[in-house]
């Protein structure tokens, strides 16, 4: 394989290792919003969703990116 191909594979594998942490952060933020739907909690959730939308798209998870973008739009309307 070409060195660039190896680098891209390594980057994607590194990203995959962070997915469970991202899911855990989103779950905690959703629980926080459910308990207390304050602007602060909604903004924290929106910020995390925004980061995931960008990084997921960058690493080829386009469906995840689109879901996060839609969720972010919904959150913006609520804030």
PDB file of N, CA and C in Angstrom:
ATOM      1  N   UNK A   1       0.846  -1.191   0.000  1.00  0.00           N
ATOM      2  CA  UNK A   1       0.000   0.000   0.000  1.00  0.00           C
ATOM      3  C   UNK A   1       0.887   1.249   0.000  1.00  0.00           C
ATOM      4  N   UNK A   2       0.318   2.302  -0.508  1.00  0.00           N
ATOM      5  CA  UNK A   2       1.018   3.581  -0.534  1.00  0.00           C
ATOM      6  C   UNK A   2       1.077   4.159   0.875  1.00  0.00           C
ATOM      7  N   UNK A   3       2.130   4.937   1.187  1.00  0.00           N
ATOM      8  CA  UNK A   3       2.220   5.545   2.522  1.00  0.00           C
ATOM      9  C   UNK A   3       0.994   6.395   2.876  1.00  0.00           C
ATOM     10  N   UNK A   4       0.443   7.114   1.886  1.00  0.00           N
ATOM     11  CA  UNK A   4      -0.729   7.946   2.144  1.00  0.00           C
ATOM     12  C   UNK A   4      -1.938   7.069   2.512  1.00  0.00           C
ATOM     13  N   UNK A   5      -2.089   5.936   1.813  1.00  0.00           N
ATOM     14  CA  UNK A   5      -3.176   5.012   2.135  1.00  0.00           C
ATOM     15  C   UNK A   5      -3.042   4.506   3.562  1.00  0.00           C
ATOM     16  N   UNK A   6      -1.831   4.168   3.955  1.00  0.00           N
ATOM     17  CA  UNK A   6      -1.590   3.693   5.324  1.00  0.00           C
ATOM     18  C   UNK A   6      -1.941   4.774   6.344  1.00  0.00           C
ATOM     19  N   UNK A   7      -1.577   6.012   6.035  1.00  0.00           N
ATOM     20  CA  UNK A   7      -1.868   7.124   6.937  1.00  0.00           C
ATOM     21  C   UNK A   7      -3.379   7.298   7.080  1.00  0.00           C
ATOM     22  N   UNK A   8      -4.101   7.238   5.969  1.00  0.00           N
ATOM     23  CA  UNK A   8      -5.551   7.396   6.021  1.00  0.00           C
ATOM     24  C   UNK A   8      -6.205   6.272   6.820  1.00  0.00           C
ATOM     25  N   UNK A   9      -5.708   5.060   6.652  1.00  0.00           N
ATOM     26  CA  UNK A   9      -6.224   3.919   7.419  1.00  0.00           C
ATOM     27  C   UNK A   9      -5.948   4.134   8.904  1.00  0.00           C
ATOM     28  N   UNK A  10      -4.735   4.557   9.239  1.00  0.00           N
ATOM     29  CA  UNK A  10      -4.376   4.812  10.637  1.00  0.00           C
ATOM     30  C   UNK A  10      -5.258   5.907  11.248  1.00  0.00           C
ATOM     31  N   UNK A  11      -5.503   6.970  10.484  1.00  0.00           N
ATOM     32  CA  UNK A  11      -6.342   8.061  10.977  1.00  0.00           C
ATOM     33  C   UNK A  11      -7.768   7.584  11.238  1.00  0.00           C
ATOM     34  N   UNK A  12      -8.299   6.795  10.310  1.00  0.00           N
ATOM     35  CA  UNK A  12      -9.660   6.295  10.488  1.00  0.00           C
ATOM     36  C   UNK A  12      -9.742   5.354  11.691  1.00  0.00           C
ATOM     37  N   UNK A  13      -8.742   4.501  11.869  1.00  0.00           N
ATOM     38  CA  UNK A  13      -8.726   3.599  13.026  1.00  0.00           C
ATOM     39  C   UNK A  13      -8.630   4.394  14.324  1.00  0.00           C
ATOM     40  N   UNK A  14      -7.811   5.431  14.332  1.00  0.00           N
ATOM     41  CA  UNK A  14      -7.694   6.287  15.526  1.00  0.00           C
ATOM     42  C   UNK A  14      -9.042   6.935  15.840  1.00  0.00           C
ATOM     43  N   UNK A  15      -9.736   7.396  14.808  1.00  0.00           N
ATOM     44  CA  UNK A  15     -11.048   8.017  15.011  1.00  0.00           C
ATOM     45  C   UNK A  15     -12.043   6.992  15.552  1.00  0.00           C
ATOM     46  N   UNK A  16     -12.012   5.787  14.997  1.00  0.00           N
ATOM     47  CA  UNK A  16     -12.943   4.744  15.445  1.00  0.00           C
ATOM     48  C   UNK A  16     -12.792   4.461  16.932  1.00  0.00           C
ATOM     49  N   UNK A  17     -11.581   4.569  17.444  1.00  0.00           N
ATOM     50  CA  UNK A  17     -11.337   4.314  18.864  1.00  0.00           C
ATOM     51  C   UNK A  17     -11.973   5.381  19.758  1.00  0.00           C
ATOM     52  N   UNK A  18     -12.301   6.544  19.198  1.00  0.00           N
ATOM     53  CA  UNK A  18     -12.891   7.627  19.988  1.00  0.00           C
ATOM     54  C   UNK A  18     -14.422   7.611  19.953  1.00  0.00           C
ATOM     55  N   UNK A  19     -14.996   6.757  19.125  1.00  0.00           N
ATOM     56  CA  UNK A  19     -16.448   6.771  18.939  1.00  0.00           C
ATOM     57  C   UNK A  19     -17.194   6.477  20.242  1.00  0.00           C
ATOM     58  N   UNK A  20     -16.760   5.482  20.992  1.00  0.00           N
ATOM     59  CA  UNK A  20     -17.485   5.155  22.230  1.00  0.00           C
ATOM     60  C   UNK A  20     -17.447   6.327  23.221  1.00  0.00           C
ATOM     61  N   UNK A  21     -16.338   7.057  23.269  1.00  0.00           N
ATOM     62  CA  UNK A  21     -16.255   8.239  24.133  1.00  0.00           C
ATOM     63  C   UNK A  21     -17.235   9.319  23.674  1.00  0.00           C
ATOM     64  N   UNK A  22     -17.337   9.488  22.369  1.00  0.00           N
ATOM     65  CA  UNK A  22     -18.257  10.485  21.828  1.00  0.00           C
ATOM     66  C   UNK A  22     -19.701  10.119  22.171  1.00  0.00           C
ATOM     67  N   UNK A  23     -20.051   8.852  22.012  1.00  0.00           N
ATOM     68  CA  UNK A  23     -21.405   8.391  22.327  1.00  0.00           C
ATOM     69  C   UNK A  23     -21.698   8.604  23.812  1.00  0.00           C
ATOM     70  N   UNK A  24     -20.725   8.301  24.647  1.00  0.00           N
ATOM     71  CA  UNK A  24     -20.908   8.466  26.092  1.00  0.00           C
ATOM     72  C   UNK A  24     -21.137   9.935  26.453  1.00  0.00           C
ATOM     73  N   UNK A  25     -20.371  10.838  25.851  1.00  0.00           N
ATOM     74  CA  UNK A  25     -20.547  12.272  26.124  1.00  0.00           C
ATOM     75  C   UNK A  25     -21.937  12.744  25.683  1.00  0.00           C
ATOM     76  N   UNK A  26     -22.364  12.295  24.504  1.00  0.00           N
ATOM     77  CA  UNK A  26     -23.689  12.679  24.000  1.00  0.00           C
ATOM     78  C   UNK A  26     -24.782  12.145  24.930  1.00  0.00           C
ATOM     79  N   UNK A  27     -24.641  10.898  25.367  1.00  0.00           N
ATOM     80  CA  UNK A  27     -25.641  10.316  26.278  1.00  0.00           C
ATOM     81  C   UNK A  27     -25.750  11.136  27.566  1.00  0.00           C
ATOM     82  N   UNK A  28     -24.609  11.506  28.127  1.00  0.00           N
ATOM     83  CA  UNK A  28     -24.611  12.292  29.367  1.00  0.00           C
ATOM     84  C   UNK A  28     -25.254  13.662  29.146  1.00  0.00           C
ATOM     85  N   UNK A  29     -24.963  14.276  28.014  1.00  0.00           N
ATOM     86  CA  UNK A  29     -25.540  15.590  27.724  1.00  0.00           C
ATOM     87  C   UNK A  29     -27.045  15.491  27.480  1.00  0.00           C
ATOM     88  N   UNK A  30     -27.497  14.430  26.836  1.00  0.00           N
ATOM     89  CA  UNK A  30     -28.938  14.230  26.614  1.00  0.00           C
ATOM     90  C   UNK A  30     -29.637  14.048  27.964  1.00  0.00           C
ATOM     91  N   UNK A  31     -29.047  13.255  28.843  1.00  0.00           N
ATOM     92  CA  UNK A  31     -29.622  13.079  30.180  1.00  0.00           C
ATOM     93  C   UNK A  31     -29.699  14.410  30.923  1.00  0.00           C
ATOM     94  N   UNK A  32     -28.656  15.213  30.800  1.00  0.00           N
ATOM     95  CA  UNK A  32     -28.651  16.526  31.451  1.00  0.00           C
ATOM     96  C   UNK A  32     -29.780  17.403  30.913  1.00  0.00           C
ATOM     97  N   UNK A  33     -29.996  17.370  29.600  1.00  0.00           N
ATOM     98  CA  UNK A  33     -31.069  18.162  28.985  1.00  0.00           C
ATOM     99  C   UNK A  33     -32.437  17.639  29.434  1.00  0.00           C
ATOM    100  N   UNK A  34     -32.560  16.316  29.534  1.00  0.00           N
ATOM    101  CA  UNK A  34     -33.838  15.749  29.978  1.00  0.00           C
ATOM    102  C   UNK A  34     -34.158  16.163  31.415  1.00  0.00           C
ATOM    103  N   UNK A  35     -33.145  16.190  32.277  1.00  0.00           N
ATOM    104  CA  UNK A  35     -33.343  16.585  33.668  1.00  0.00           C
ATOM    105  C   UNK A  35     -33.593  18.088  33.789  1.00  0.00           C
ATOM    106  N   UNK A  36     -32.835  18.852  33.012  1.00  0.00           N
ATOM    107  CA  UNK A  36     -32.890  20.312  33.096  1.00  0.00           C
ATOM    108  C   UNK A  36     -32.680  20.900  31.703  1.00  0.00           C
ATOM    109  N   UNK A  37     -33.792  21.164  30.983  1.00  0.00           N
ATOM    110  CA  UNK A  37     -33.654  21.673  29.613  1.00  0.00           C
ATOM    111  C   UNK A  37     -33.308  23.167  29.563  1.00  0.00           C
ATOM    112  N   UNK A  38     -32.263  23.523  30.286  1.00  0.00           N
ATOM    113  CA  UNK A  38     -31.830  24.924  30.318  1.00  0.00           C
ATOM    114  C   UNK A  38     -31.051  25.261  29.044  1.00  0.00           C
ATOM    115  N   UNK A  39     -30.928  26.543  28.794  1.00  0.00           N
ATOM    116  CA  UNK A  39     -30.146  27.014  27.644  1.00  0.00           C
ATOM    117  C   UNK A  39     -28.713  26.491  27.737  1.00  0.00           C
ATOM    118  N   UNK A  40     -28.160  26.528  28.935  1.00  0.00           N
ATOM    119  CA  UNK A  40     -26.775  26.066  29.143  1.00  0.00           C
ATOM    120  C   UNK A  40     -26.626  24.605  28.705  1.00  0.00           C
ATOM    121  N   UNK A  41     -27.530  23.746  29.143  1.00  0.00           N
ATOM    122  CA  UNK A  41     -27.439  22.323  28.786  1.00  0.00           C
ATOM    123  C   UNK A  41     -27.700  22.096  27.299  1.00  0.00           C
ATOM    124  N   UNK A  42     -28.664  22.832  26.741  1.00  0.00           N
ATOM    125  CA  UNK A  42     -28.939  22.715  25.304  1.00  0.00           C
ATOM    126  C   UNK A  42     -27.729  23.159  24.484  1.00  0.00           C
ATOM    127  N   UNK A  43     -27.089  24.240  24.914  1.00  0.00           N
ATOM    128  CA  UNK A  43     -25.905  24.725  24.192  1.00  0.00           C
ATOM    129  C   UNK A  43     -24.752  23.739  24.293  1.00  0.00           C
ATOM    130  N   UNK A  44     -24.587  23.102  25.451  1.00  0.00           N
ATOM    131  CA  UNK A  44     -23.523  22.111  25.607  1.00  0.00           C
ATOM    132  C   UNK A  44     -23.765  20.926  24.670  1.00  0.00           C
ATOM    133  N   UNK A  45     -25.009  20.464  24.608  1.00  0.00           N
ATOM    134  CA  UNK A  45     -25.357  19.365  23.701  1.00  0.00           C
ATOM    135  C   UNK A  45     -25.136  19.778  22.251  1.00  0.00           C
ATOM    136  N   UNK A  46     -25.578  20.986  21.895  1.00  0.00           N
ATOM    137  CA  UNK A  46     -25.402  21.476  20.526  1.00  0.00           C
ATOM    138  C   UNK A  46     -23.924  21.541  20.153  1.00  0.00           C
ATOM    139  N   UNK A  47     -23.104  22.001  21.074  1.00  0.00           N
ATOM    140  CA  UNK A  47     -21.668  22.105  20.799  1.00  0.00           C
ATOM    141  C   UNK A  47     -21.045  20.742  20.520  1.00  0.00           C
ATOM    142  N   UNK A  48     -21.414  19.753  21.327  1.00  0.00           N
ATOM    143  CA  UNK A  48     -20.861  18.406  21.134  1.00  0.00           C
ATOM    144  C   UNK A  48     -21.365  17.800  19.833  1.00  0.00           C
ATOM    145  N   UNK A  49     -22.647  17.991  19.541  1.00  0.00           N
ATOM    146  CA  UNK A  49     -23.225  17.481  18.291  1.00  0.00           C
ATOM    147  C   UNK A  49     -22.535  18.136  17.099  1.00  0.00           C
ATOM    148  N   UNK A  50     -22.264  19.430  17.193  1.00  0.00           N
ATOM    149  CA  UNK A  50     -21.583  20.154  16.117  1.00  0.00           C
ATOM    150  C   UNK A  50     -20.192  19.561  15.852  1.00  0.00           C
ATOM    151  N   UNK A  51     -19.453  19.287  16.921  1.00  0.00           N
ATOM    152  CA  UNK A  51     -18.105  18.707  16.756  1.00  0.00           C
ATOM    153  C   UNK A  51     -18.177  17.338  16.089  1.00  0.00           C
ATOM    154  N   UNK A  52     -19.136  16.528  16.523  1.00  0.00           N
ATOM    155  CA  UNK A  52     -19.260  15.188  15.951  1.00  0.00           C
ATOM    156  C   UNK A  52     -19.694  15.271  14.493  1.00  0.00           C
ATOM    157  N   UNK A  53     -20.576  16.199  14.163  1.00  0.00           N
ATOM    158  CA  UNK A  53     -21.021  16.361  12.771  1.00  0.00           C
ATOM    159  C   UNK A  53     -19.825  16.619  11.856  1.00  0.00           C
ATOM    160  N   UNK A  54     -18.930  17.484  12.305  1.00  0.00           N
ATOM    161  CA  UNK A  54     -17.761  17.807  11.491  1.00  0.00           C
ATOM    162  C   UNK A  54     -16.769  16.670  11.400  1.00  0.00           C
ATOM    163  N   UNK A  55     -16.442  16.090  12.531  1.00  0.00           N
ATOM    164  CA  UNK A  55     -15.430  15.032  12.505  1.00  0.00           C
ATOM    165  C   UNK A  55     -15.954  13.776  11.821  1.00  0.00           C
ATOM    166  N   UNK A  56     -17.225  13.452  12.006  1.00  0.00           N
ATOM    167  CA  UNK A  56     -17.781  12.259  11.364  1.00  0.00           C
ATOM    168  C   UNK A  56     -17.710  12.399   9.839  1.00  0.00           C
ATOM    169  N   UNK A  57     -18.058  13.580   9.347  1.00  0.00           N
ATOM    170  CA  UNK A  57     -17.983  13.811   7.906  1.00  0.00           C
ATOM    171  C   UNK A  57     -16.557  13.729   7.388  1.00  0.00           C
ATOM    172  N   UNK A  58     -15.635  14.267   8.147  1.00  0.00           N
ATOM    173  CA  UNK A  58     -14.225  14.246   7.764  1.00  0.00           C
ATOM    174  C   UNK A  58     -13.703  12.819   7.621  1.00  0.00           C
ATOM    175  N   UNK A  59     -14.167  11.934   8.510  1.00  0.00           N
ATOM    176  CA  UNK A  59     -13.667  10.557   8.508  1.00  0.00           C
ATOM    177  C   UNK A  59     -14.558   9.590   7.741  1.00  0.00           C
ATOM    178  N   UNK A  60     -15.496  10.117   6.967  1.00  0.00           N
ATOM    179  CA  UNK A  60     -16.267   9.274   6.065  1.00  0.00           C
ATOM    180  C   UNK A  60     -17.561   8.714   6.622  1.00  0.00           C
ATOM    181  N   UNK A  61     -17.977   9.175   7.786  1.00  0.00           N
ATOM    182  CA  UNK A  61     -19.247   8.725   8.367  1.00  0.00           C
ATOM    183  C   UNK A  61     -20.327   9.751   8.011  1.00  0.00           C
ATOM    184  N   UNK A  62     -20.710   9.750   6.741  1.00  0.00           N
ATOM    185  CA  UNK A  62     -21.593  10.791   6.232  1.00  0.00           C
ATOM    186  C   UNK A  62     -22.993  10.720   6.846  1.00  0.00           C
ATOM    187  N   UNK A  63     -23.516   9.513   7.072  1.00  0.00           N
ATOM    188  CA  UNK A  63     -24.851   9.391   7.666  1.00  0.00           C
ATOM    189  C   UNK A  63     -24.859   9.980   9.077  1.00  0.00           C
ATOM    190  N   UNK A  64     -23.824   9.688   9.848  1.00  0.00           N
ATOM    191  CA  UNK A  64     -23.715  10.235  11.208  1.00  0.00           C
ATOM    192  C   UNK A  64     -23.622  11.754  11.142  1.00  0.00           C
ATOM    193  N   UNK A  65     -22.846  12.253  10.214  1.00  0.00           N
ATOM    194  CA  UNK A  65     -22.685  13.689  10.054  1.00  0.00           C
ATOM    195  C   UNK A  65     -24.026  14.353   9.748  1.00  0.00           C
ATOM    196  N   UNK A  66     -24.801  13.774   8.844  1.00  0.00           N
ATOM    197  CA  UNK A  66     -26.103  14.341   8.475  1.00  0.00           C
ATOM    198  C   UNK A  66     -27.075  14.313   9.650  1.00  0.00           C
ATOM    199  N   UNK A  67     -27.103  13.211  10.389  1.00  0.00           N
ATOM    200  CA  UNK A  67     -27.979  13.105  11.567  1.00  0.00           C
ATOM    201  C   UNK A  67     -27.615  14.195  12.572  1.00  0.00           C
ATOM    202  N   UNK A  68     -26.314  14.361  12.809  1.00  0.00           N
ATOM    203  CA  UNK A  68     -25.859  15.379  13.764  1.00  0.00           C
ATOM    204  C   UNK A  68     -26.191  16.785  13.278  1.00  0.00           C
ATOM    205  N   UNK A  69     -26.050  17.036  11.986  1.00  0.00           N
ATOM    206  CA  UNK A  69     -26.388  18.364  11.444  1.00  0.00           C
ATOM    207  C   UNK A  69     -27.871  18.654  11.635  1.00  0.00           C
ATOM    208  N   UNK A  70     -28.723  17.641  11.391  1.00  0.00           N
ATOM    209  CA  UNK A  70     -30.163  17.824  11.581  1.00  0.00           C
ATOM    210  C   UNK A  70     -30.482  18.072  13.052  1.00  0.00           C
ATOM    211  N   UNK A  71     -29.853  17.314  13.943  1.00  0.00           N
ATOM    212  CA  UNK A  71     -30.061  17.496  15.376  1.00  0.00           C
ATOM    213  C   UNK A  71     -29.598  18.891  15.805  1.00  0.00           C
ATOM    214  N   UNK A  72     -28.477  19.313  15.269  1.00  0.00           N
ATOM    215  CA  UNK A  72     -27.969  20.648  15.609  1.00  0.00           C
ATOM    216  C   UNK A  72     -28.961  21.727  15.183  1.00  0.00           C
ATOM    217  N   UNK A  73     -29.543  21.585  13.993  1.00  0.00           N
ATOM    218  CA  UNK A  73     -30.540  22.549  13.539  1.00  0.00           C
ATOM    219  C   UNK A  73     -31.751  22.578  14.481  1.00  0.00           C
ATOM    220  N   UNK A  74     -32.187  21.384  14.901  1.00  0.00           N
ATOM    221  CA  UNK A  74     -33.320  21.298  15.843  1.00  0.00           C
ATOM    222  C   UNK A  74     -32.976  21.975  17.165  1.00  0.00           C
ATOM    223  N   UNK A  75     -31.769  21.748  17.657  1.00  0.00           N
ATOM    224  CA  UNK A  75     -31.348  22.355  18.912  1.00  0.00           C
ATOM    225  C   UNK A  75     -31.265  23.873  18.795  1.00  0.00           C
ATOM    226  N   UNK A  76     -30.778  24.374  17.663  1.00  0.00           N
ATOM    227  CA  UNK A  76     -30.689  25.820  17.449  1.00  0.00           C
ATOM    228  C   UNK A  76     -32.086  26.435  17.525  1.00  0.00           C
ATOM    229  N   UNK A  77     -33.078  25.735  16.949  1.00  0.00           N
ATOM    230  CA  UNK A  77     -34.457  26.255  16.996  1.00  0.00           C
ATOM    231  C   UNK A  77     -34.980  26.306  18.423  1.00  0.00           C
ATOM    232  N   UNK A  78     -34.550  25.368  19.273  1.00  0.00           N
ATOM    233  CA  UNK A  78     -35.030  25.321  20.653  1.00  0.00           C
ATOM    234  C   UNK A  78     -34.336  26.348  21.548  1.00  0.00           C
ATOM    235  N   UNK A  79     -33.129  26.753  21.136  1.00  0.00           N
ATOM    236  CA  UNK A  79     -32.347  27.665  21.978  1.00  0.00           C
ATOM    237  C   UNK A  79     -32.762  29.069  21.750  1.00  0.00           C
TER     238      UNK A  79
END
